Amino acid sequence: MQYAATQLYDFFSDTSCITIPKYQRKYEWDPENAHSLIRDIAEIATSSSNSQHWTGVLIMRVLPMNEGCPIAATNVNHICREVIDGQQRLTTI
């Protein structure tokens, strides 16, 4: 198994998509959890510091080209990821 650290902005490119499998629980964060994360991200985004910031863990599996992503089947540069852990944070973002 291969592990790689990825920057959050890499997930939001035109060569990438994210799927949330049916076995994941539904979105359950209350407004305070969501606001806390958004405030945290806004604080870092508007900070003059170039330091990195811990936003939690996202665990994803890169789907093989033949495993259900119609874009990846026709675009060799496309990466489709399946969320294993971190769905609540990712959905909030």
PDB file of N, CA and C in Angstrom:
ATOM      1  N   MET A   1       0.846  -1.171   0.000  1.00  0.00           N
ATOM      2  CA  MET A   1       0.000   0.000   0.000  1.00  0.00           C
ATOM      3  C   MET A   1       0.891   1.233   0.000  1.00  0.00           C
ATOM      4  N   GLN A   2       0.505   2.227  -0.750  1.00  0.00           N
ATOM      5  CA  GLN A   2       1.291   3.440  -0.873  1.00  0.00           C
ATOM      6  C   GLN A   2       0.583   4.588  -0.166  1.00  0.00           C
ATOM      7  N   TYR A   3       1.333   5.355   0.605  1.00  0.00           N
ATOM      8  CA  TYR A   3       0.794   6.501   1.318  1.00  0.00           C
ATOM      9  C   TYR A   3       1.453   7.759   0.777  1.00  0.00           C
ATOM     10  N   ALA A   4       0.668   8.824   0.680  1.00  0.00           N
ATOM     11  CA  ALA A   4       1.237  10.083   0.209  1.00  0.00           C
ATOM     12  C   ALA A   4       0.500  11.238   0.861  1.00  0.00           C
ATOM     13  N   ALA A   5       1.253  12.220   1.306  1.00  0.00           N
ATOM     14  CA  ALA A   5       0.650  13.447   1.830  1.00  0.00           C
ATOM     15  C   ALA A   5       0.298  14.323   0.640  1.00  0.00           C
ATOM     16  N   THR A   6      -0.879  14.889   0.681  1.00  0.00           N
ATOM     17  CA  THR A   6      -1.359  15.738  -0.402  1.00  0.00           C
ATOM     18  C   THR A   6      -1.888  17.023   0.199  1.00  0.00           C
ATOM     19  N   GLN A   7      -1.655  18.117  -0.483  1.00  0.00           N
ATOM     20  CA  GLN A   7      -2.197  19.390  -0.040  1.00  0.00           C
ATOM     21  C   GLN A   7      -3.694  19.423  -0.331  1.00  0.00           C
ATOM     22  N   LEU A   8      -4.460  20.093   0.500  1.00  0.00           N
ATOM     23  CA  LEU A   8      -5.908  20.147   0.346  1.00  0.00           C
ATOM     24  C   LEU A   8      -6.323  20.689  -1.019  1.00  0.00           C
ATOM     25  N   TYR A   9      -5.626  21.709  -1.507  1.00  0.00           N
ATOM     26  CA  TYR A   9      -6.013  22.295  -2.794  1.00  0.00           C
ATOM     27  C   TYR A   9      -5.850  21.326  -3.961  1.00  0.00           C
ATOM     28  N   ASP A  10      -5.055  20.248  -3.792  1.00  0.00           N
ATOM     29  CA  ASP A  10      -4.915  19.257  -4.859  1.00  0.00           C
ATOM     30  C   ASP A  10      -6.220  18.504  -5.120  1.00  0.00           C
ATOM     31  N   PHE A  11      -7.089  18.457  -4.112  1.00  0.00           N
ATOM     32  CA  PHE A  11      -8.361  17.747  -4.276  1.00  0.00           C
ATOM     33  C   PHE A  11      -9.374  18.555  -5.080  1.00  0.00           C
ATOM     34  N   PHE A  12      -9.150  19.836  -5.212  1.00  0.00           N
ATOM     35  CA  PHE A  12     -10.108  20.719  -5.870  1.00  0.00           C
ATOM     36  C   PHE A  12      -9.570  21.238  -7.200  1.00  0.00           C
ATOM     37  N   SER A  13      -9.064  20.351  -8.013  1.00  0.00           N
ATOM     38  CA  SER A  13      -8.547  20.735  -9.323  1.00  0.00           C
ATOM     39  C   SER A  13      -9.451  20.145 -10.397  1.00  0.00           C
ATOM     40  N   ASP A  14      -9.250  20.597 -11.626  1.00  0.00           N
ATOM     41  CA  ASP A  14     -10.074  20.082 -12.717  1.00  0.00           C
ATOM     42  C   ASP A  14      -9.632  18.696 -13.184  1.00  0.00           C
ATOM     43  N   THR A  15      -8.563  18.162 -12.601  1.00  0.00           N
ATOM     44  CA  THR A  15      -8.118  16.816 -12.960  1.00  0.00           C
ATOM     45  C   THR A  15      -8.379  15.824 -11.827  1.00  0.00           C
ATOM     46  N   SER A  16      -9.313  16.155 -10.950  1.00  0.00           N
ATOM     47  CA  SER A  16      -9.548  15.323  -9.777  1.00  0.00           C
ATOM     48  C   SER A  16     -11.024  15.325  -9.407  1.00  0.00           C
ATOM     49  N   CYS A  17     -11.505  14.203  -8.884  1.00  0.00           N
ATOM     50  CA  CYS A  17     -12.849  14.172  -8.308  1.00  0.00           C
ATOM     51  C   CYS A  17     -12.815  13.310  -7.047  1.00  0.00           C
ATOM     52  N   ILE A  18     -13.837  13.484  -6.238  1.00  0.00           N
ATOM     53  CA  ILE A  18     -13.936  12.775  -4.964  1.00  0.00           C
ATOM     54  C   ILE A  18     -15.292  12.093  -4.902  1.00  0.00           C
ATOM     55  N   THR A  19     -15.303  10.833  -4.505  1.00  0.00           N
ATOM     56  CA  THR A  19     -16.561  10.115  -4.318  1.00  0.00           C
ATOM     57  C   THR A  19     -16.697   9.740  -2.845  1.00  0.00           C
ATOM     58  N   ILE A  20     -17.926   9.743  -2.383  1.00  0.00           N
ATOM     59  CA  ILE A  20     -18.217   9.311  -1.019  1.00  0.00           C
ATOM     60  C   ILE A  20     -19.017   8.025  -1.139  1.00  0.00           C
ATOM     61  N   PRO A  21     -18.435   6.905  -0.736  1.00  0.00           N
ATOM     62  CA  PRO A  21     -19.111   5.620  -0.899  1.00  0.00           C
ATOM     63  C   PRO A  21     -20.356   5.509  -0.019  1.00  0.00           C
ATOM     64  N   LYS A  22     -21.255   4.651  -0.401  1.00  0.00           N
ATOM     65  CA  LYS A  22     -22.533   4.479   0.299  1.00  0.00           C
ATOM     66  C   LYS A  22     -22.363   4.007   1.745  1.00  0.00           C
ATOM     67  N   TYR A  23     -21.246   3.320   2.057  1.00  0.00           N
ATOM     68  CA  TYR A  23     -21.065   2.835   3.428  1.00  0.00           C
ATOM     69  C   TYR A  23     -20.732   3.957   4.416  1.00  0.00           C
ATOM     70  N   GLN A  24     -20.390   5.147   3.927  1.00  0.00           N
ATOM     71  CA  GLN A  24     -20.099   6.268   4.824  1.00  0.00           C
ATOM     72  C   GLN A  24     -21.390   6.727   5.497  1.00  0.00           C
ATOM     73  N   ARG A  25     -21.275   7.158   6.746  1.00  0.00           N
ATOM     74  CA  ARG A  25     -22.450   7.691   7.436  1.00  0.00           C
ATOM     75  C   ARG A  25     -22.868   9.010   6.788  1.00  0.00           C
ATOM     76  N   LYS A  26     -24.098   9.416   7.036  1.00  0.00           N
ATOM     77  CA  LYS A  26     -24.569  10.682   6.486  1.00  0.00           C
ATOM     78  C   LYS A  26     -23.868  11.841   7.197  1.00  0.00           C
ATOM     79  N   TYR A  27     -23.972  13.013   6.616  1.00  0.00           N
ATOM     80  CA  TYR A  27     -23.361  14.202   7.205  1.00  0.00           C
ATOM     81  C   TYR A  27     -24.056  14.503   8.527  1.00  0.00           C
ATOM     82  N   GLU A  28     -23.285  14.580   9.623  1.00  0.00           N
ATOM     83  CA  GLU A  28     -23.876  14.729  10.948  1.00  0.00           C
ATOM     84  C   GLU A  28     -23.307  15.883  11.766  1.00  0.00           C
ATOM     85  N   TRP A  29     -22.415  16.655  11.204  1.00  0.00           N
ATOM     86  CA  TRP A  29     -21.855  17.745  12.000  1.00  0.00           C
ATOM     87  C   TRP A  29     -22.922  18.780  12.301  1.00  0.00           C
ATOM     88  N   ASP A  30     -22.898  19.277  13.528  1.00  0.00           N
ATOM     89  CA  ASP A  30     -23.812  20.363  13.875  1.00  0.00           C
ATOM     90  C   ASP A  30     -23.180  21.695  13.448  1.00  0.00           C
ATOM     91  N   PRO A  31     -23.964  22.768  13.454  1.00  0.00           N
ATOM     92  CA  PRO A  31     -23.426  24.062  12.988  1.00  0.00           C
ATOM     93  C   PRO A  31     -22.153  24.493  13.720  1.00  0.00           C
ATOM     94  N   GLU A  32     -22.034  24.196  15.010  1.00  0.00           N
ATOM     95  CA  GLU A  32     -20.830  24.614  15.745  1.00  0.00           C
ATOM     96  C   GLU A  32     -19.579  23.918  15.223  1.00  0.00           C
ATOM     97  N   ASN A  33     -19.672  22.609  14.939  1.00  0.00           N
ATOM     98  CA  ASN A  33     -18.517  21.890  14.367  1.00  0.00           C
ATOM     99  C   ASN A  33     -18.120  22.517  13.033  1.00  0.00           C
ATOM    100  N   ALA A  34     -19.105  22.751  12.175  1.00  0.00           N
ATOM    101  CA  ALA A  34     -18.831  23.313  10.852  1.00  0.00           C
ATOM    102  C   ALA A  34     -18.257  24.721  10.963  1.00  0.00           C
ATOM    103  N   HIS A  35     -18.859  25.559  11.796  1.00  0.00           N
ATOM    104  CA  HIS A  35     -18.367  26.929  11.954  1.00  0.00           C
ATOM    105  C   HIS A  35     -16.943  26.955  12.515  1.00  0.00           C
ATOM    106  N   SER A  36     -16.644  26.052  13.417  1.00  0.00           N
ATOM    107  CA  SER A  36     -15.304  25.981  13.987  1.00  0.00           C
ATOM    108  C   SER A  36     -14.268  25.692  12.903  1.00  0.00           C
ATOM    109  N   LEU A  37     -14.555  24.737  12.044  1.00  0.00           N
ATOM    110  CA  LEU A  37     -13.630  24.416  10.947  1.00  0.00           C
ATOM    111  C   LEU A  37     -13.503  25.586   9.976  1.00  0.00           C
ATOM    112  N   ILE A  38     -14.612  26.179   9.588  1.00  0.00           N
ATOM    113  CA  ILE A  38     -14.585  27.297   8.641  1.00  0.00           C
ATOM    114  C   ILE A  38     -13.838  28.490   9.242  1.00  0.00           C
ATOM    115  N   ARG A  39     -14.070  28.788  10.523  1.00  0.00           N
ATOM    116  CA  ARG A  39     -13.336  29.884  11.181  1.00  0.00           C
ATOM    117  C   ARG A  39     -11.834  29.601  11.168  1.00  0.00           C
ATOM    118  N   ASP A  40     -11.479  28.367  11.453  1.00  0.00           N
ATOM    119  CA  ASP A  40     -10.081  27.959  11.471  1.00  0.00           C
ATOM    120  C   ASP A  40      -9.441  28.164  10.098  1.00  0.00           C
ATOM    121  N   ILE A  41     -10.120  27.720   9.058  1.00  0.00           N
ATOM    122  CA  ILE A  41      -9.601  27.870   7.692  1.00  0.00           C
ATOM    123  C   ILE A  41      -9.512  29.342   7.308  1.00  0.00           C
ATOM    124  N   ALA A  42     -10.530  30.129   7.654  1.00  0.00           N
ATOM    125  CA  ALA A  42     -10.523  31.562   7.332  1.00  0.00           C
ATOM    126  C   ALA A  42      -9.369  32.269   8.042  1.00  0.00           C
ATOM    127  N   GLU A  43      -9.120  31.886   9.272  1.00  0.00           N
ATOM    128  CA  GLU A  43      -8.019  32.496  10.028  1.00  0.00           C
ATOM    129  C   GLU A  43      -6.680  32.223   9.359  1.00  0.00           C
ATOM    130  N   ILE A  44      -6.476  31.005   8.924  1.00  0.00           N
ATOM    131  CA  ILE A  44      -5.229  30.647   8.255  1.00  0.00           C
ATOM    132  C   ILE A  44      -5.136  31.342   6.895  1.00  0.00           C
ATOM    133  N   ALA A  45      -6.236  31.392   6.165  1.00  0.00           N
ATOM    134  CA  ALA A  45      -6.245  32.001   4.829  1.00  0.00           C
ATOM    135  C   ALA A  45      -5.939  33.493   4.872  1.00  0.00           C
ATOM    136  N   THR A  46      -6.337  34.168   5.938  1.00  0.00           N
ATOM    137  CA  THR A  46      -6.123  35.609   6.031  1.00  0.00           C
ATOM    138  C   THR A  46      -4.890  35.972   6.854  1.00  0.00           C
ATOM    139  N   SER A  47      -4.171  34.977   7.330  1.00  0.00           N
ATOM    140  CA  SER A  47      -2.972  35.211   8.129  1.00  0.00           C
ATOM    141  C   SER A  47      -1.808  35.615   7.228  1.00  0.00           C
ATOM    142  N   SER A  48      -0.947  36.448   7.737  1.00  0.00           N
ATOM    143  CA  SER A  48       0.235  36.840   6.967  1.00  0.00           C
ATOM    144  C   SER A  48       1.343  35.792   7.085  1.00  0.00           C
ATOM    145  N   SER A  49       1.138  34.817   7.917  1.00  0.00           N
ATOM    146  CA  SER A  49       2.122  33.756   8.110  1.00  0.00           C
ATOM    147  C   SER A  49       2.029  32.735   6.983  1.00  0.00           C
ATOM    148  N   ASN A  50       3.160  32.208   6.562  1.00  0.00           N
ATOM    149  CA  ASN A  50       3.183  31.157   5.541  1.00  0.00           C
ATOM    150  C   ASN A  50       3.285  29.772   6.160  1.00  0.00           C
ATOM    151  N   SER A  51       3.009  29.671   7.446  1.00  0.00           N
ATOM    152  CA  SER A  51       3.150  28.387   8.121  1.00  0.00           C
ATOM    153  C   SER A  51       2.020  27.433   7.727  1.00  0.00           C
ATOM    154  N   GLN A  52       2.297  26.148   7.877  1.00  0.00           N
ATOM    155  CA  GLN A  52       1.292  25.135   7.607  1.00  0.00           C
ATOM    156  C   GLN A  52       0.383  24.994   8.812  1.00  0.00           C
ATOM    157  N   HIS A  53      -0.812  24.436   8.591  1.00  0.00           N
ATOM    158  CA  HIS A  53      -1.774  24.301   9.670  1.00  0.00           C
ATOM    159  C   HIS A  53      -2.453  22.935   9.588  1.00  0.00           C
ATOM    160  N   TRP A  54      -2.615  22.289  10.708  1.00  0.00           N
ATOM    161  CA  TRP A  54      -3.247  20.970  10.779  1.00  0.00           C
ATOM    162  C   TRP A  54      -4.760  21.126  10.743  1.00  0.00           C
ATOM    163  N   THR A  55      -5.421  20.545   9.753  1.00  0.00           N
ATOM    164  CA  THR A  55      -6.883  20.605   9.667  1.00  0.00           C
ATOM    165  C   THR A  55      -7.526  19.249   9.887  1.00  0.00           C
ATOM    166  N   GLY A  56      -6.745  18.256  10.233  1.00  0.00           N
ATOM    167  CA  GLY A  56      -7.298  16.921  10.450  1.00  0.00           C
ATOM    168  C   GLY A  56      -6.862  15.978   9.347  1.00  0.00           C
ATOM    169  N   VAL A  57      -7.305  14.761   9.454  1.00  0.00           N
ATOM    170  CA  VAL A  57      -6.887  13.718   8.523  1.00  0.00           C
ATOM    171  C   VAL A  57      -7.970  13.456   7.488  1.00  0.00           C
ATOM    172  N   LEU A  58      -7.558  13.322   6.253  1.00  0.00           N
ATOM    173  CA  LEU A  58      -8.409  12.811   5.181  1.00  0.00           C
ATOM    174  C   LEU A  58      -7.729  11.546   4.682  1.00  0.00           C
ATOM    175  N   ILE A  59      -8.435  10.442   4.730  1.00  0.00           N
ATOM    176  CA  ILE A  59      -7.891   9.198   4.193  1.00  0.00           C
ATOM    177  C   ILE A  59      -8.709   8.854   2.966  1.00  0.00           C
ATOM    178  N   MET A  60      -8.010   8.688   1.862  1.00  0.00           N
ATOM    179  CA  MET A  60      -8.680   8.402   0.593  1.00  0.00           C
ATOM    180  C   MET A  60      -7.968   7.280  -0.132  1.00  0.00           C
ATOM    181  N   ARG A  61      -8.700   6.649  -0.987  1.00  0.00           N
ATOM    182  CA  ARG A  61      -8.158   5.594  -1.839  1.00  0.00           C
ATOM    183  C   ARG A  61      -8.284   6.075  -3.272  1.00  0.00           C
ATOM    184  N   VAL A  62      -7.187   6.041  -4.013  1.00  0.00           N
ATOM    185  CA  VAL A  62      -7.243   6.388  -5.427  1.00  0.00           C
ATOM    186  C   VAL A  62      -7.902   5.219  -6.151  1.00  0.00           C
ATOM    187  N   LEU A  63      -8.979   5.526  -6.864  1.00  0.00           N
ATOM    188  CA  LEU A  63      -9.700   4.475  -7.585  1.00  0.00           C
ATOM    189  C   LEU A  63      -8.984   4.130  -8.887  1.00  0.00           C
ATOM    190  N   PRO A  64      -8.870   2.852  -9.196  1.00  0.00           N
ATOM    191  CA  PRO A  64      -8.315   2.467 -10.490  1.00  0.00           C
ATOM    192  C   PRO A  64      -9.203   3.004 -11.616  1.00  0.00           C
ATOM    193  N   MET A  65      -8.638   3.218 -12.773  1.00  0.00           N
ATOM    194  CA  MET A  65      -9.378   3.794 -13.896  1.00  0.00           C
ATOM    195  C   MET A  65     -10.625   2.994 -14.263  1.00  0.00           C
ATOM    196  N   ASN A  66     -10.603   1.713 -14.023  1.00  0.00           N
ATOM    197  CA  ASN A  66     -11.737   0.870 -14.421  1.00  0.00           C
ATOM    198  C   ASN A  66     -12.767   0.681 -13.312  1.00  0.00           C
ATOM    199  N   GLU A  67     -12.687   1.502 -12.261  1.00  0.00           N
ATOM    200  CA  GLU A  67     -13.559   1.272 -11.110  1.00  0.00           C
ATOM    201  C   GLU A  67     -14.603   2.362 -10.905  1.00  0.00           C
ATOM    202  N   GLY A  68     -15.362   2.659 -11.918  1.00  0.00           N
ATOM    203  CA  GLY A  68     -16.549   3.466 -11.722  1.00  0.00           C
ATOM    204  C   GLY A  68     -16.483   4.954 -11.989  1.00  0.00           C
ATOM    205  N   CYS A  69     -15.343   5.513 -12.285  1.00  0.00           N
ATOM    206  CA  CYS A  69     -15.293   6.947 -12.567  1.00  0.00           C
ATOM    207  C   CYS A  69     -15.292   7.145 -14.078  1.00  0.00           C
ATOM    208  N   PRO A  70     -16.381   7.690 -14.631  1.00  0.00           N
ATOM    209  CA  PRO A  70     -16.456   7.851 -16.086  1.00  0.00           C
ATOM    210  C   PRO A  70     -15.437   8.852 -16.634  1.00  0.00           C
ATOM    211  N   ILE A  71     -15.035   9.824 -15.828  1.00  0.00           N
ATOM    212  CA  ILE A  71     -14.053  10.802 -16.305  1.00  0.00           C
ATOM    213  C   ILE A  71     -12.680  10.147 -16.412  1.00  0.00           C
ATOM    214  N   ALA A  72     -12.296   9.395 -15.381  1.00  0.00           N
ATOM    215  CA  ALA A  72     -10.984   8.736 -15.383  1.00  0.00           C
ATOM    216  C   ALA A  72     -10.873   7.720 -16.516  1.00  0.00           C
ATOM    217  N   ALA A  73     -11.986   7.152 -16.926  1.00  0.00           N
ATOM    218  CA  ALA A  73     -11.966   6.168 -18.011  1.00  0.00           C
ATOM    219  C   ALA A  73     -11.585   6.802 -19.346  1.00  0.00           C
ATOM    220  N   THR A  74     -11.806   8.114 -19.481  1.00  0.00           N
ATOM    221  CA  THR A  74     -11.516   8.777 -20.758  1.00  0.00           C
ATOM    222  C   THR A  74     -10.410   9.825 -20.662  1.00  0.00           C
ATOM    223  N   ASN A  75      -9.919  10.119 -19.464  1.00  0.00           N
ATOM    224  CA  ASN A  75      -8.894  11.135 -19.277  1.00  0.00           C
ATOM    225  C   ASN A  75      -7.780  10.545 -18.410  1.00  0.00           C
ATOM    226  N   VAL A  76      -6.624  10.271 -19.012  1.00  0.00           N
ATOM    227  CA  VAL A  76      -5.536   9.617 -18.282  1.00  0.00           C
ATOM    228  C   VAL A  76      -4.932  10.508 -17.205  1.00  0.00           C
ATOM    229  N   ASN A  77      -5.162  11.812 -17.242  1.00  0.00           N
ATOM    230  CA  ASN A  77      -4.632  12.723 -16.223  1.00  0.00           C
ATOM    231  C   ASN A  77      -5.563  12.883 -15.026  1.00  0.00           C
ATOM    232  N   HIS A  78      -6.740  12.286 -15.100  1.00  0.00           N
ATOM    233  CA  HIS A  78      -7.745  12.436 -14.054  1.00  0.00           C
ATOM    234  C   HIS A  78      -7.494  11.454 -12.907  1.00  0.00           C
ATOM    235  N   ILE A  79      -7.661  11.930 -11.677  1.00  0.00           N
ATOM    236  CA  ILE A  79      -7.522  11.079 -10.493  1.00  0.00           C
ATOM    237  C   ILE A  79      -8.840  11.117  -9.730  1.00  0.00           C
ATOM    238  N   CYS A  80      -9.420   9.960  -9.504  1.00  0.00           N
ATOM    239  CA  CYS A  80     -10.653   9.861  -8.733  1.00  0.00           C
ATOM    240  C   CYS A  80     -10.312   9.219  -7.389  1.00  0.00           C
ATOM    241  N   ARG A  81     -10.721   9.887  -6.313  1.00  0.00           N
ATOM    242  CA  ARG A  81     -10.435   9.403  -4.967  1.00  0.00           C
ATOM    243  C   ARG A  81     -11.737   9.065  -4.237  1.00  0.00           C
ATOM    244  N   GLU A  82     -11.693   7.999  -3.465  1.00  0.00           N
ATOM    245  CA  GLU A  82     -12.821   7.583  -2.645  1.00  0.00           C
ATOM    246  C   GLU A  82     -12.499   7.907  -1.184  1.00  0.00           C
ATOM    247  N   VAL A  83     -13.427   8.572  -0.500  1.00  0.00           N
ATOM    248  CA  VAL A  83     -13.216   8.970   0.890  1.00  0.00           C
ATOM    249  C   VAL A  83     -13.343   7.751   1.798  1.00  0.00           C
ATOM    250  N   ILE A  84     -12.299   7.523   2.583  1.00  0.00           N
ATOM    251  CA  ILE A  84     -12.321   6.465   3.592  1.00  0.00           C
ATOM    252  C   ILE A  84     -12.599   7.090   4.959  1.00  0.00           C
ATOM    253  N   ASP A  85     -11.924   8.206   5.259  1.00  0.00           N
ATOM    254  CA  ASP A  85     -12.119   8.909   6.528  1.00  0.00           C
ATOM    255  C   ASP A  85     -11.948  10.409   6.290  1.00  0.00           C
ATOM    256  N   GLY A  86     -12.742  11.228   6.969  1.00  0.00           N
ATOM    257  CA  GLY A  86     -12.648  12.679   6.847  1.00  0.00           C
ATOM    258  C   GLY A  86     -13.802  13.277   6.085  1.00  0.00           C
ATOM    259  N   GLN A  87     -14.845  12.508   5.843  1.00  0.00           N
ATOM    260  CA  GLN A  87     -15.970  12.949   5.049  1.00  0.00           C
ATOM    261  C   GLN A  87     -16.674  14.164   5.664  1.00  0.00           C
ATOM    262  N   GLN A  88     -16.779  14.227   6.980  1.00  0.00           N
ATOM    263  CA  GLN A  88     -17.462  15.353   7.623  1.00  0.00           C
ATOM    264  C   GLN A  88     -16.703  16.656   7.346  1.00  0.00           C
ATOM    265  N   ARG A  89     -15.371  16.640   7.516  1.00  0.00           N
ATOM    266  CA  ARG A  89     -14.569  17.831   7.238  1.00  0.00           C
ATOM    267  C   ARG A  89     -14.615  18.196   5.759  1.00  0.00           C
ATOM    268  N   LEU A  90     -14.445  17.201   4.913  1.00  0.00           N
ATOM    269  CA  LEU A  90     -14.420  17.462   3.478  1.00  0.00           C
ATOM    270  C   LEU A  90     -15.741  18.013   2.971  1.00  0.00           C
ATOM    271  N   THR A  91     -16.848  17.467   3.440  1.00  0.00           N
ATOM    272  CA  THR A  91     -18.168  17.967   3.038  1.00  0.00           C
ATOM    273  C   THR A  91     -18.370  19.396   3.527  1.00  0.00           C
ATOM    274  N   THR A  92     -17.897  19.702   4.726  1.00  0.00           N
ATOM    275  CA  THR A  92     -18.013  21.066   5.252  1.00  0.00           C
ATOM    276  C   THR A  92     -17.218  22.038   4.398  1.00  0.00           C
ATOM    277  N   ILE A  93     -16.011  21.647   4.019  1.00  0.00           N
ATOM    278  CA  ILE A  93     -15.176  22.519   3.184  1.00  0.00           C
ATOM    279  C   ILE A  93     -15.820  22.712   1.841  1.00  0.00           C
TER     280      ILE A  93
END
